[in-house]
Amino acid sequence: MFKKVLISEDLGSISNGIVSILEALHIDNFQQVQYCDDAYLKIKRAEIDEHPFDLLITDLSYKEDHRQQKYQSGETLIKALKQEYPNLKIIAYSVEDRPQKIRTVMLGCNADAFVCKGRNGLKQLEEAIFKVYNGQTYLSPQVANVLRKSSNTEIDDFDIEIMKLLANGFSQDEISQHFKSKNINPSSLSAIEKRILKLRSSFSAKNATQLISIAKDLGLI
């Protein structure tokens, strides 16, 4: 079982629940922080001292306060740590349940598990710890299907990139030119126009502005 665990969570009540699970698993060497930057620094310091953490359990969203943070979310923290310390096991423990966000955390940031906070959250967290320790990934049952191959009705990374560019003020012609410069296909203006029309239809959006608003509300961009 894991020997040294770091908990990154800004709510004491949630942190206490995680501690109860660790203690039940006889994991006595754990530390707690309330900021992502502190989590990063503790993990870095432990690596330098050659007494590394085996596991990080982190929330994704943190309430902003007076303190400026380099890593303002668990998502950015996970991505940075996985790039520097790929052998560190990381479990995201969050109220977030939007499919695209989970895909980003698991596939884009390379987290080892995604556990949804809730009525069965702590029980699922315990299951996740065992799974991750044994070299497996874990998703809470209620979101277990989100990493399966997308169906034709679901949006893909290409769609996400188009909506991000629209949100940043790019015209359809500018998106086409941007894709051509990056060797991203399809990149023709007609292909971009058709994809945006398809997205508007999928989200019942009257125009591109409403499409971007809906995408933001859903956490897609």
Protein backbone atom coordinates (compact mmCIF):
# COMPACT_ATOMS: atom_id res chain seq x y z
CA MET A 1 0.00 0.00 0.00
CA PHE A 2 1.04 3.62 -0.44
CA LYS A 3 3.49 4.81 2.19
CA LYS A 4 3.39 8.60 1.81
CA VAL A 5 0.35 10.59 0.67
CA LEU A 6 -0.34 14.28 0.10
CA ILE A 7 -3.87 15.70 0.33
CA SER A 8 -4.54 18.97 -1.51
CA GLU A 9 -7.98 20.25 -0.49
CA ASP A 10 -9.11 23.67 0.69
CA LEU A 11 -12.15 22.50 2.69
CA GLY A 12 -11.34 21.06 6.08
CA SER A 13 -14.42 18.85 6.26
CA ILE A 14 -13.55 17.16 2.96
CA SER A 15 -9.91 16.80 3.96
CA ASN A 16 -10.95 15.15 7.21
CA GLY A 17 -12.99 12.61 5.28
CA ILE A 18 -10.00 11.73 3.14
CA VAL A 19 -7.86 11.37 6.25
CA SER A 20 -10.36 8.91 7.71
CA ILE A 21 -9.98 6.71 4.64
CA LEU A 22 -6.19 6.82 4.80
CA GLU A 23 -6.21 5.92 8.48
CA ALA A 24 -8.59 3.01 7.81
CA LEU A 25 -6.07 1.77 5.26
CA HIS A 26 -3.27 2.17 7.84
CA ILE A 27 -1.58 4.89 5.83
CA ASP A 28 -0.15 6.99 8.64
CA ASN A 29 2.34 9.13 6.72
CA PHE A 30 0.24 11.82 5.09
CA GLN A 31 0.32 15.60 4.85
CA GLN A 32 -2.35 18.17 4.03
CA VAL A 33 -2.24 21.47 2.12
CA GLN A 34 -4.92 23.95 1.05
CA TYR A 35 -3.24 25.46 -2.01
CA CYS A 36 -2.07 23.90 -5.29
CA ASP A 37 1.23 25.81 -5.12
CA ASP A 38 1.92 24.33 -1.69
CA ALA A 39 1.19 20.85 -3.03
CA TYR A 40 3.63 21.36 -5.90
CA LEU A 41 6.37 22.67 -3.62
CA LYS A 42 5.95 19.85 -1.09
CA ILE A 43 6.16 17.21 -3.80
CA LYS A 44 9.20 18.87 -5.35
CA ARG A 45 10.93 19.20 -1.98
CA ALA A 46 10.22 15.56 -1.15
CA GLU A 47 11.74 14.47 -4.47
CA ILE A 48 14.86 16.53 -3.81
CA ASP A 49 15.16 15.04 -0.32
CA GLU A 50 14.75 11.54 -1.81
CA HIS A 51 11.68 10.87 0.30
CA PRO A 52 9.02 11.27 -2.41
CA PHE A 53 5.27 11.08 -2.05
CA ASP A 54 3.66 7.98 -3.54
CA LEU A 55 0.21 9.48 -4.04
CA LEU A 56 -1.46 12.86 -4.41
CA ILE A 57 -5.20 13.24 -3.81
CA THR A 58 -6.33 16.64 -5.07
CA ASP A 59 -9.47 18.65 -5.60
CA LEU A 60 -9.86 20.42 -8.94
CA SER A 61 -11.40 23.75 -7.91
CA TYR A 62 -10.21 26.05 -5.14
CA LYS A 63 -11.83 29.20 -3.82
CA GLU A 64 -9.86 32.30 -4.69
CA ASP A 65 -8.52 34.49 -1.90
CA HIS A 66 -5.83 37.14 -1.42
CA ARG A 67 -3.02 34.75 -2.23
CA GLN A 68 -1.74 34.67 -5.81
CA GLN A 69 -1.25 31.16 -7.17
CA LYS A 70 0.84 29.85 -10.05
CA TYR A 71 -1.30 26.73 -10.14
CA GLN A 72 -4.86 27.94 -9.76
CA SER A 73 -6.61 24.60 -10.17
CA GLY A 74 -6.06 20.94 -9.53
CA GLU A 75 -6.13 20.41 -13.26
CA THR A 76 -3.05 22.59 -13.87
CA LEU A 77 -1.35 21.04 -10.84
CA ILE A 78 -1.91 17.49 -12.09
CA LYS A 79 -0.62 18.32 -15.55
CA ALA A 80 2.54 19.97 -14.22
CA LEU A 81 3.33 17.19 -11.76
CA LYS A 82 2.73 14.39 -14.25
CA GLN A 83 5.11 16.04 -16.69
CA GLU A 84 7.84 16.32 -14.06
CA TYR A 85 7.13 13.20 -12.01
CA PRO A 86 5.35 10.67 -14.25
CA ASN A 87 5.62 7.93 -11.63
CA LEU A 88 3.64 9.92 -9.05
CA LYS A 89 0.14 8.52 -8.71
CA ILE A 90 -2.60 11.16 -8.71
CA ILE A 91 -6.29 10.88 -7.84
CA ALA A 92 -8.62 13.77 -8.70
CA TYR A 93 -11.40 14.05 -6.09
CA SER A 94 -13.99 16.55 -7.24
CA VAL A 95 -17.65 17.55 -7.45
CA GLU A 96 -17.03 17.97 -11.18
CA ASP A 97 -18.89 15.47 -13.35
CA ARG A 98 -18.86 17.04 -16.82
CA PRO A 99 -17.60 14.52 -19.42
CA GLN A 100 -15.21 16.87 -21.21
CA LYS A 101 -13.61 17.98 -17.95
CA ILE A 102 -13.10 14.36 -16.89
CA ARG A 103 -11.57 13.53 -20.28
CA THR A 104 -9.22 16.48 -19.93
CA VAL A 105 -8.10 15.46 -16.45
CA MET A 106 -7.66 11.78 -17.29
CA LEU A 107 -6.39 11.95 -20.88
CA GLY A 108 -4.92 15.44 -21.13
CA CYS A 109 -3.40 15.70 -17.66
CA ASN A 110 -2.81 11.94 -17.17
CA ALA A 111 -4.44 11.55 -13.77
CA ASP A 112 -4.69 7.96 -12.55
CA ALA A 113 -8.20 8.20 -11.14
CA PHE A 114 -11.22 10.49 -11.07
CA VAL A 115 -13.51 10.20 -8.05
CA CYS A 116 -16.71 12.20 -7.75
CA LYS A 117 -17.45 13.73 -4.38
CA GLY A 118 -20.89 12.84 -3.08
CA ARG A 119 -22.84 10.33 -1.06
CA ASN A 120 -20.57 7.44 -2.03
CA GLY A 121 -17.48 9.51 -2.67
CA LEU A 122 -15.35 8.27 0.20
CA LYS A 123 -16.17 4.63 -0.51
CA GLN A 124 -15.23 5.17 -4.15
CA LEU A 125 -12.05 6.97 -3.09
CA GLU A 126 -11.02 3.91 -1.12
CA GLU A 127 -11.65 1.73 -4.18
CA ALA A 128 -9.64 4.15 -6.31
CA ILE A 129 -6.67 4.00 -3.94
CA PHE A 130 -6.55 0.20 -4.24
CA LYS A 131 -6.94 0.30 -8.02
CA VAL A 132 -4.26 2.94 -8.52
CA TYR A 133 -1.88 1.18 -6.15
CA ASN A 134 -2.23 -1.93 -8.31
CA GLY A 135 -1.39 -0.03 -11.46
CA GLN A 136 -4.94 0.47 -12.73
CA THR A 137 -6.99 3.55 -13.47
CA TYR A 138 -10.32 4.30 -11.81
CA LEU A 139 -13.43 6.32 -12.54
CA SER A 140 -16.45 6.68 -10.29
CA PRO A 141 -19.26 4.41 -11.59
CA GLN A 142 -21.50 7.36 -12.48
CA VAL A 143 -18.92 8.68 -14.96
CA ALA A 144 -17.29 5.40 -15.95
CA ASN A 145 -18.38 5.63 -19.58
CA VAL A 146 -16.89 9.02 -20.43
CA LEU A 147 -13.56 7.65 -21.68
CA ARG A 148 -15.12 5.21 -24.10
CA LYS A 149 -14.70 5.92 -27.79
CA SER A 150 -16.91 8.83 -28.77
CA SER A 151 -20.01 8.17 -30.81
CA ASN A 152 -20.82 10.14 -33.95
CA THR A 153 -23.07 12.45 -31.96
CA GLU A 154 -20.34 13.52 -29.52
CA ILE A 155 -17.90 16.34 -30.08
CA ASP A 156 -14.21 15.67 -30.51
CA ASP A 157 -10.98 17.62 -29.95
CA PHE A 158 -11.32 19.24 -33.38
CA ASP A 159 -14.71 20.66 -32.36
CA ILE A 160 -13.29 21.89 -29.06
CA GLU A 161 -10.47 23.71 -30.85
CA ILE A 162 -12.91 25.40 -33.22
CA MET A 163 -15.05 26.62 -30.33
CA LYS A 164 -12.00 27.86 -28.43
CA LEU A 165 -10.90 29.88 -31.44
CA LEU A 166 -14.41 31.27 -31.91
CA ALA A 167 -14.43 32.25 -28.24
CA ASN A 168 -11.13 34.09 -28.81
CA GLY A 169 -12.67 36.16 -31.59
CA PHE A 170 -11.40 34.26 -34.64
CA SER A 171 -13.54 34.46 -37.78
CA GLN A 172 -14.25 31.30 -39.76
CA ASP A 173 -11.67 32.35 -42.35
CA GLU A 174 -9.09 32.99 -39.62
CA ILE A 175 -9.78 29.56 -38.13
CA SER A 176 -9.21 28.02 -41.56
CA GLN A 177 -5.90 29.86 -41.95
CA HIS A 178 -4.86 28.92 -38.41
CA PHE A 179 -5.48 25.22 -39.06
CA LYS A 180 -3.58 25.38 -42.34
CA SER A 181 -0.60 26.94 -40.57
CA LYS A 182 -0.67 24.13 -38.02
CA ASN A 183 -1.20 21.40 -40.63
CA ILE A 184 -4.52 20.49 -39.01
CA ASN A 185 -7.07 18.84 -41.29
CA PRO A 186 -9.67 19.49 -42.46
CA SER A 187 -8.74 23.14 -42.77
CA SER A 188 -10.78 24.44 -45.70
CA LEU A 189 -13.20 27.26 -45.08
CA SER A 190 -16.13 25.14 -46.22
CA ALA A 191 -15.17 22.37 -43.77
CA ILE A 192 -15.00 24.87 -40.90
CA GLU A 193 -18.37 26.34 -41.86
CA LYS A 194 -19.99 22.88 -41.99
CA ARG A 195 -18.53 21.88 -38.63
CA ILE A 196 -19.78 25.05 -36.94
CA LEU A 197 -23.25 24.50 -38.41
CA LYS A 198 -23.18 20.94 -37.08
CA LEU A 199 -22.16 22.18 -33.63
CA ARG A 200 -24.90 24.81 -33.62
CA SER A 201 -27.43 22.13 -34.54
CA SER A 202 -26.13 19.74 -31.85
CA PHE A 203 -26.43 22.41 -29.15
CA SER A 204 -29.55 24.08 -30.56
CA ALA A 205 -27.63 27.35 -30.80
CA LYS A 206 -29.06 30.16 -32.97
CA ASN A 207 -25.63 31.61 -33.70
CA ALA A 208 -21.92 31.25 -32.90
CA THR A 209 -22.19 33.52 -29.87
CA GLN A 210 -24.85 31.34 -28.29
CA LEU A 211 -22.83 28.24 -29.18
CA ILE A 212 -19.82 29.56 -27.28
CA SER A 213 -22.00 30.52 -24.32
CA ILE A 214 -23.45 27.01 -24.13
CA ALA A 215 -20.03 25.40 -24.50
CA LYS A 216 -18.68 27.49 -21.62
CA ASP A 217 -21.65 26.63 -19.41
CA LEU A 218 -21.02 22.93 -20.08
CA GLY A 219 -17.33 23.27 -19.27
CA LEU A 220 -16.27 22.26 -22.76
CA ILE A 221 -14.04 25.30 -23.27
